[in-house]
């Protein structure tokens, strides 16, 4: 994630955490709900590959994202 490296370098991808994701969402509020959702799905894949528990923080949205109890992957 190039954006994270320019804002707060983590050095190692395994150190990427929820705070980084939340900061990313705050900085990208101007993206459409669809685009933020697509980014979130990609982050879910990355989160899973890194072996992190649960899911990454969801994007901020004016329109609530439908909650899917199944894995979106």
PDB file of N, CA and C in Angstrom:
ATOM      1  N   UNK A   1       0.839  -1.169   0.000  1.00  0.00           N
ATOM      2  CA  UNK A   1       0.000   0.000   0.000  1.00  0.00           C
ATOM      3  C   UNK A   1       0.887   1.236   0.000  1.00  0.00           C
ATOM      4  N   UNK A   2       1.017   1.809  -1.147  1.00  0.00           N
ATOM      5  CA  UNK A   2       1.889   2.971  -1.294  1.00  0.00           C
ATOM      6  C   UNK A   2       1.459   4.134  -0.416  1.00  0.00           C
ATOM      7  N   UNK A   3       0.139   4.332  -0.276  1.00  0.00           N
ATOM      8  CA  UNK A   3      -0.348   5.450   0.529  1.00  0.00           C
ATOM      9  C   UNK A   3       0.170   5.341   1.962  1.00  0.00           C
ATOM     10  N   UNK A   4       0.099   4.156   2.552  1.00  0.00           N
ATOM     11  CA  UNK A   4       0.557   3.965   3.931  1.00  0.00           C
ATOM     12  C   UNK A   4       2.032   4.297   4.046  1.00  0.00           C
ATOM     13  N   UNK A   5       2.821   3.855   3.087  1.00  0.00           N
ATOM     14  CA  UNK A   5       4.268   4.113   3.132  1.00  0.00           C
ATOM     15  C   UNK A   5       4.590   5.601   3.073  1.00  0.00           C
ATOM     16  N   UNK A   6       3.759   6.407   2.415  1.00  0.00           N
ATOM     17  CA  UNK A   6       4.017   7.852   2.355  1.00  0.00           C
ATOM     18  C   UNK A   6       3.537   8.559   3.623  1.00  0.00           C
ATOM     19  N   UNK A   7       2.570   7.984   4.322  1.00  0.00           N
ATOM     20  CA  UNK A   7       2.007   8.617   5.516  1.00  0.00           C
ATOM     21  C   UNK A   7       2.669   8.157   6.807  1.00  0.00           C
ATOM     22  N   UNK A   8       2.772   6.873   6.960  1.00  0.00           N
ATOM     23  CA  UNK A   8       3.328   6.284   8.176  1.00  0.00           C
ATOM     24  C   UNK A   8       3.931   4.934   7.819  1.00  0.00           C
ATOM     25  N   UNK A   9       5.168   4.943   7.379  1.00  0.00           N
ATOM     26  CA  UNK A   9       5.793   3.693   6.920  1.00  0.00           C
ATOM     27  C   UNK A   9       5.726   2.590   7.968  1.00  0.00           C
ATOM     28  N   UNK A  10       5.375   1.397   7.510  1.00  0.00           N
ATOM     29  CA  UNK A  10       5.310   0.246   8.423  1.00  0.00           C
ATOM     30  C   UNK A  10       6.527  -0.651   8.276  1.00  0.00           C
ATOM     31  N   UNK A  11       7.270  -0.482   7.190  1.00  0.00           N
ATOM     32  CA  UNK A  11       8.479  -1.276   6.992  1.00  0.00           C
ATOM     33  C   UNK A  11       8.194  -2.690   6.550  1.00  0.00           C
ATOM     34  N   UNK A  12       7.362  -3.380   7.294  1.00  0.00           N
ATOM     35  CA  UNK A  12       7.017  -4.764   7.000  1.00  0.00           C
ATOM     36  C   UNK A  12       5.496  -4.849   6.903  1.00  0.00           C
ATOM     37  N   UNK A  13       5.011  -5.462   5.852  1.00  0.00           N
ATOM     38  CA  UNK A  13       3.569  -5.551   5.627  1.00  0.00           C
ATOM     39  C   UNK A  13       2.843  -6.183   6.812  1.00  0.00           C
ATOM     40  N   UNK A  14       3.493  -7.078   7.516  1.00  0.00           N
ATOM     41  CA  UNK A  14       2.872  -7.736   8.667  1.00  0.00           C
ATOM     42  C   UNK A  14       2.540  -6.746   9.783  1.00  0.00           C
ATOM     43  N   UNK A  15       3.167  -5.581   9.765  1.00  0.00           N
ATOM     44  CA  UNK A  15       2.918  -4.566  10.794  1.00  0.00           C
ATOM     45  C   UNK A  15       1.747  -3.662  10.446  1.00  0.00           C
ATOM     46  N   UNK A  16       1.164  -3.850   9.278  1.00  0.00           N
ATOM     47  CA  UNK A  16      -0.002  -3.073   8.880  1.00  0.00           C
ATOM     48  C   UNK A  16      -1.143  -3.405   9.824  1.00  0.00           C
ATOM     49  N   UNK A  17      -1.763  -2.378  10.395  1.00  0.00           N
ATOM     50  CA  UNK A  17      -2.807  -2.627  11.390  1.00  0.00           C
ATOM     51  C   UNK A  17      -4.064  -1.824  11.143  1.00  0.00           C
ATOM     52  N   UNK A  18      -4.995  -1.983  12.060  1.00  0.00           N
ATOM     53  CA  UNK A  18      -6.292  -1.316  11.938  1.00  0.00           C
ATOM     54  C   UNK A  18      -6.144   0.198  11.881  1.00  0.00           C
ATOM     55  N   UNK A  19      -5.223   0.747  12.655  1.00  0.00           N
ATOM     56  CA  UNK A  19      -5.032   2.200  12.659  1.00  0.00           C
ATOM     57  C   UNK A  19      -4.664   2.709  11.268  1.00  0.00           C
ATOM     58  N   UNK A  20      -3.812   1.964  10.555  1.00  0.00           N
ATOM     59  CA  UNK A  20      -3.418   2.367   9.208  1.00  0.00           C
ATOM     60  C   UNK A  20      -4.625   2.363   8.273  1.00  0.00           C
ATOM     61  N   UNK A  21      -5.465   1.349   8.415  1.00  0.00           N
ATOM     62  CA  UNK A  21      -6.640   1.233   7.553  1.00  0.00           C
ATOM     63  C   UNK A  21      -7.619   2.372   7.844  1.00  0.00           C
ATOM     64  N   UNK A  22      -7.836   2.673   9.121  1.00  0.00           N
ATOM     65  CA  UNK A  22      -8.740   3.765   9.486  1.00  0.00           C
ATOM     66  C   UNK A  22      -8.218   5.089   8.948  1.00  0.00           C
ATOM     67  N   UNK A  23      -6.927   5.335   9.073  1.00  0.00           N
ATOM     68  CA  UNK A  23      -6.336   6.565   8.527  1.00  0.00           C
ATOM     69  C   UNK A  23      -6.527   6.637   7.010  1.00  0.00           C
ATOM     70  N   UNK A  24      -6.399   5.494   6.346  1.00  0.00           N
ATOM     71  CA  UNK A  24      -6.616   5.444   4.895  1.00  0.00           C
ATOM     72  C   UNK A  24      -8.047   5.843   4.567  1.00  0.00           C
ATOM     73  N   UNK A  25      -9.028   5.283   5.300  1.00  0.00           N
ATOM     74  CA  UNK A  25     -10.437   5.631   5.037  1.00  0.00           C
ATOM     75  C   UNK A  25     -10.690   7.115   5.284  1.00  0.00           C
ATOM     76  N   UNK A  26     -10.122   7.657   6.342  1.00  0.00           N
ATOM     77  CA  UNK A  26     -10.329   9.076   6.641  1.00  0.00           C
ATOM     78  C   UNK A  26      -9.761   9.968   5.539  1.00  0.00           C
ATOM     79  N   UNK A  27      -8.642   9.563   4.976  1.00  0.00           N
ATOM     80  CA  UNK A  27      -8.007  10.364   3.924  1.00  0.00           C
ATOM     81  C   UNK A  27      -8.689  10.210   2.568  1.00  0.00           C
ATOM     82  N   UNK A  28      -9.536   9.196   2.433  1.00  0.00           N
ATOM     83  CA  UNK A  28     -10.163   8.921   1.139  1.00  0.00           C
ATOM     84  C   UNK A  28     -11.687   8.959   1.201  1.00  0.00           C
ATOM     85  N   UNK A  29     -12.210   9.860   2.000  1.00  0.00           N
ATOM     86  CA  UNK A  29     -13.664  10.000   2.133  1.00  0.00           C
ATOM     87  C   UNK A  29     -14.327  10.423   0.822  1.00  0.00           C
ATOM     88  N   UNK A  30     -13.574  11.016  -0.068  1.00  0.00           N
ATOM     89  CA  UNK A  30     -14.163  11.516  -1.317  1.00  0.00           C
ATOM     90  C   UNK A  30     -14.441  10.401  -2.331  1.00  0.00           C
ATOM     91  N   UNK A  31     -13.937   9.207  -2.081  1.00  0.00           N
ATOM     92  CA  UNK A  31     -14.204   8.091  -2.987  1.00  0.00           C
ATOM     93  C   UNK A  31     -15.678   7.705  -2.903  1.00  0.00           C
ATOM     94  N   UNK A  32     -16.202   7.167  -3.969  1.00  0.00           N
ATOM     95  CA  UNK A  32     -17.592   6.725  -3.958  1.00  0.00           C
ATOM     96  C   UNK A  32     -17.746   5.526  -3.031  1.00  0.00           C
ATOM     97  N   UNK A  33     -18.977   5.293  -2.593  1.00  0.00           N
ATOM     98  CA  UNK A  33     -19.233   4.135  -1.731  1.00  0.00           C
ATOM     99  C   UNK A  33     -18.800   2.843  -2.421  1.00  0.00           C
ATOM    100  N   UNK A  34     -19.071   2.732  -3.704  1.00  0.00           N
ATOM    101  CA  UNK A  34     -18.707   1.530  -4.472  1.00  0.00           C
ATOM    102  C   UNK A  34     -17.198   1.334  -4.475  1.00  0.00           C
ATOM    103  N   UNK A  35     -16.460   2.396  -4.715  1.00  0.00           N
ATOM    104  CA  UNK A  35     -14.996   2.300  -4.758  1.00  0.00           C
ATOM    105  C   UNK A  35     -14.441   1.924  -3.384  1.00  0.00           C
ATOM    106  N   UNK A  36     -14.970   2.546  -2.330  1.00  0.00           N
ATOM    107  CA  UNK A  36     -14.501   2.204  -0.980  1.00  0.00           C
ATOM    108  C   UNK A  36     -14.806   0.751  -0.654  1.00  0.00           C
ATOM    109  N   UNK A  37     -15.969   0.275  -1.073  1.00  0.00           N
ATOM    110  CA  UNK A  37     -16.326  -1.120  -0.838  1.00  0.00           C
ATOM    111  C   UNK A  37     -15.372  -2.049  -1.590  1.00  0.00           C
ATOM    112  N   UNK A  38     -15.053  -1.696  -2.841  1.00  0.00           N
ATOM    113  CA  UNK A  38     -14.109  -2.504  -3.622  1.00  0.00           C
ATOM    114  C   UNK A  38     -12.732  -2.538  -2.961  1.00  0.00           C
ATOM    115  N   UNK A  39     -12.279  -1.396  -2.442  1.00  0.00           N
ATOM    116  CA  UNK A  39     -11.008  -1.356  -1.713  1.00  0.00           C
ATOM    117  C   UNK A  39     -11.092  -2.248  -0.479  1.00  0.00           C
ATOM    118  N   UNK A  40     -12.234  -2.194   0.229  1.00  0.00           N
ATOM    119  CA  UNK A  40     -12.392  -2.991   1.429  1.00  0.00           C
ATOM    120  C   UNK A  40     -12.316  -4.479   1.114  1.00  0.00           C
ATOM    121  N   UNK A  41     -12.935  -4.896   0.007  1.00  0.00           N
ATOM    122  CA  UNK A  41     -12.859  -6.309  -0.381  1.00  0.00           C
ATOM    123  C   UNK A  41     -11.407  -6.723  -0.637  1.00  0.00           C
ATOM    124  N   UNK A  42     -10.645  -5.848  -1.285  1.00  0.00           N
ATOM    125  CA  UNK A  42      -9.227  -6.129  -1.533  1.00  0.00           C
ATOM    126  C   UNK A  42      -8.467  -6.207  -0.209  1.00  0.00           C
ATOM    127  N   UNK A  43      -8.795  -5.307   0.724  1.00  0.00           N
ATOM    128  CA  UNK A  43      -8.149  -5.338   2.032  1.00  0.00           C
ATOM    129  C   UNK A  43      -8.495  -6.611   2.798  1.00  0.00           C
ATOM    130  N   UNK A  44      -9.707  -7.133   2.597  1.00  0.00           N
ATOM    131  CA  UNK A  44     -10.083  -8.410   3.231  1.00  0.00           C
ATOM    132  C   UNK A  44      -9.177  -9.536   2.758  1.00  0.00           C
ATOM    133  N   UNK A  45      -8.858  -9.542   1.472  1.00  0.00           N
ATOM    134  CA  UNK A  45      -7.954 -10.564   0.930  1.00  0.00           C
ATOM    135  C   UNK A  45      -6.561 -10.393   1.554  1.00  0.00           C
ATOM    136  N   UNK A  46      -6.078  -9.171   1.574  1.00  0.00           N
ATOM    137  CA  UNK A  46      -4.760  -8.887   2.151  1.00  0.00           C
ATOM    138  C   UNK A  46      -4.731  -9.282   3.626  1.00  0.00           C
ATOM    139  N   UNK A  47      -5.783  -8.921   4.357  1.00  0.00           N
ATOM    140  CA  UNK A  47      -5.886  -9.237   5.782  1.00  0.00           C
ATOM    141  C   UNK A  47      -5.773 -10.738   6.008  1.00  0.00           C
ATOM    142  N   UNK A  48      -6.499 -11.492   5.174  1.00  0.00           N
ATOM    143  CA  UNK A  48      -6.493 -12.953   5.289  1.00  0.00           C
ATOM    144  C   UNK A  48      -5.107 -13.516   4.969  1.00  0.00           C
ATOM    145  N   UNK A  49      -4.473 -13.001   3.922  1.00  0.00           N
ATOM    146  CA  UNK A  49      -3.132 -13.470   3.548  1.00  0.00           C
ATOM    147  C   UNK A  49      -2.100 -13.176   4.635  1.00  0.00           C
ATOM    148  N   UNK A  50      -2.310 -12.093   5.381  1.00  0.00           N
ATOM    149  CA  UNK A  50      -1.387 -11.739   6.460  1.00  0.00           C
ATOM    150  C   UNK A  50      -1.678 -12.539   7.727  1.00  0.00           C
ATOM    151  N   UNK A  51      -2.773 -13.307   7.714  1.00  0.00           N
ATOM    152  CA  UNK A  51      -3.112 -14.118   8.873  1.00  0.00           C
ATOM    153  C   UNK A  51      -3.695 -13.335  10.037  1.00  0.00           C
ATOM    154  N   UNK A  52      -4.231 -12.154   9.757  1.00  0.00           N
ATOM    155  CA  UNK A  52      -4.818 -11.333  10.822  1.00  0.00           C
ATOM    156  C   UNK A  52      -6.228 -11.831  11.128  1.00  0.00           C
ATOM    157  N   UNK A  53      -6.621 -11.788  12.394  1.00  0.00           N
ATOM    158  CA  UNK A  53      -7.964 -12.266  12.751  1.00  0.00           C
ATOM    159  C   UNK A  53      -9.047 -11.282  12.332  1.00  0.00           C
ATOM    160  N   UNK A  54     -10.218 -11.794  12.070  1.00  0.00           N
ATOM    161  CA  UNK A  54     -11.358 -10.940  11.740  1.00  0.00           C
ATOM    162  C   UNK A  54     -11.219 -10.299  10.376  1.00  0.00           C
ATOM    163  N   UNK A  55     -11.778  -9.119  10.263  1.00  0.00           N
ATOM    164  CA  UNK A  55     -11.745  -8.367   9.012  1.00  0.00           C
ATOM    165  C   UNK A  55     -11.166  -6.984   9.278  1.00  0.00           C
ATOM    166  N   UNK A  56     -10.633  -6.326   8.267  1.00  0.00           N
ATOM    167  CA  UNK A  56     -10.128  -4.971   8.471  1.00  0.00           C
ATOM    168  C   UNK A  56     -11.294  -4.012   8.715  1.00  0.00           C
ATOM    169  N   UNK A  57     -11.009  -2.837   9.280  1.00  0.00           N
ATOM    170  CA  UNK A  57     -12.079  -1.864   9.501  1.00  0.00           C
ATOM    171  C   UNK A  57     -12.791  -1.521   8.186  1.00  0.00           C
ATOM    172  N   UNK A  58     -14.103  -1.393   8.283  1.00  0.00           N
ATOM    173  CA  UNK A  58     -14.899  -1.031   7.108  1.00  0.00           C
ATOM    174  C   UNK A  58     -14.708   0.444   6.784  1.00  0.00           C
ATOM    175  N   UNK A  59     -14.948   0.811   5.520  1.00  0.00           N
ATOM    176  CA  UNK A  59     -14.812   2.222   5.143  1.00  0.00           C
ATOM    177  C   UNK A  59     -15.915   3.067   5.760  1.00  0.00           C
ATOM    178  N   UNK A  60     -15.621   4.348   5.930  1.00  0.00           N
ATOM    179  CA  UNK A  60     -16.630   5.305   6.356  1.00  0.00           C
ATOM    180  C   UNK A  60     -17.563   5.523   5.180  1.00  0.00           C
ATOM    181  N   UNK A  61     -18.836   5.624   5.453  1.00  0.00           N
ATOM    182  CA  UNK A  61     -19.791   5.753   4.369  1.00  0.00           C
ATOM    183  C   UNK A  61     -21.035   6.478   4.841  1.00  0.00           C
ATOM    184  N   UNK A  62     -21.628   7.264   3.954  1.00  0.00           N
ATOM    185  CA  UNK A  62     -22.914   7.882   4.247  1.00  0.00           C
ATOM    186  C   UNK A  62     -24.014   6.850   4.095  1.00  0.00           C
ATOM    187  N   UNK A  63     -23.777   5.882   3.213  1.00  0.00           N
ATOM    188  CA  UNK A  63     -24.719   4.805   2.974  1.00  0.00           C
ATOM    189  C   UNK A  63     -24.181   3.553   3.646  1.00  0.00           C
ATOM    190  N   UNK A  64     -24.935   2.952   4.567  1.00  0.00           N
ATOM    191  CA  UNK A  64     -24.429   1.735   5.228  1.00  0.00           C
ATOM    192  C   UNK A  64     -24.167   0.617   4.221  1.00  0.00           C
ATOM    193  N   UNK A  65     -23.071  -0.083   4.421  1.00  0.00           N
ATOM    194  CA  UNK A  65     -22.748  -1.228   3.580  1.00  0.00           C
ATOM    195  C   UNK A  65     -23.492  -2.426   4.143  1.00  0.00           C
ATOM    196  N   UNK A  66     -24.113  -3.177   3.275  1.00  0.00           N
ATOM    197  CA  UNK A  66     -24.860  -4.352   3.720  1.00  0.00           C
ATOM    198  C   UNK A  66     -23.920  -5.307   4.444  1.00  0.00           C
ATOM    199  N   UNK A  67     -24.353  -5.784   5.574  1.00  0.00           N
ATOM    200  CA  UNK A  67     -23.541  -6.721   6.347  1.00  0.00           C
ATOM    201  C   UNK A  67     -23.716  -8.103   5.771  1.00  0.00           C
ATOM    202  N   UNK A  68     -22.593  -8.699   5.425  1.00  0.00           N
ATOM    203  CA  UNK A  68     -22.598 -10.048   4.875  1.00  0.00           C
ATOM    204  C   UNK A  68     -21.947 -10.951   5.911  1.00  0.00           C
ATOM    205  N   UNK A  69     -22.697 -11.917   6.421  1.00  0.00           N
ATOM    206  CA  UNK A  69     -22.146 -12.782   7.451  1.00  0.00           C
ATOM    207  C   UNK A  69     -21.190 -13.800   6.883  1.00  0.00           C
ATOM    208  N   UNK A  70     -21.209 -13.996   5.578  1.00  0.00           N
ATOM    209  CA  UNK A  70     -20.303 -14.928   4.935  1.00  0.00           C
ATOM    210  C   UNK A  70     -19.028 -14.195   4.546  1.00  0.00           C
ATOM    211  N   UNK A  71     -17.982 -14.946   4.357  1.00  0.00           N
ATOM    212  CA  UNK A  71     -16.718 -14.393   3.899  1.00  0.00           C
ATOM    213  C   UNK A  71     -16.894 -13.865   2.479  1.00  0.00           C
ATOM    214  N   UNK A  72     -16.574 -12.578   2.185  1.00  0.00           N
ATOM    215  CA  UNK A  72     -16.775 -12.042   0.845  1.00  0.00           C
ATOM    216  C   UNK A  72     -15.798 -12.605  -0.186  1.00  0.00           C
ATOM    217  N   UNK A  73     -14.919 -13.488   0.258  1.00  0.00           N
ATOM    218  CA  UNK A  73     -13.897 -14.003  -0.656  1.00  0.00           C
ATOM    219  C   UNK A  73     -14.336 -15.245  -1.288  1.00  0.00           C
TER     220      UNK A  73
END
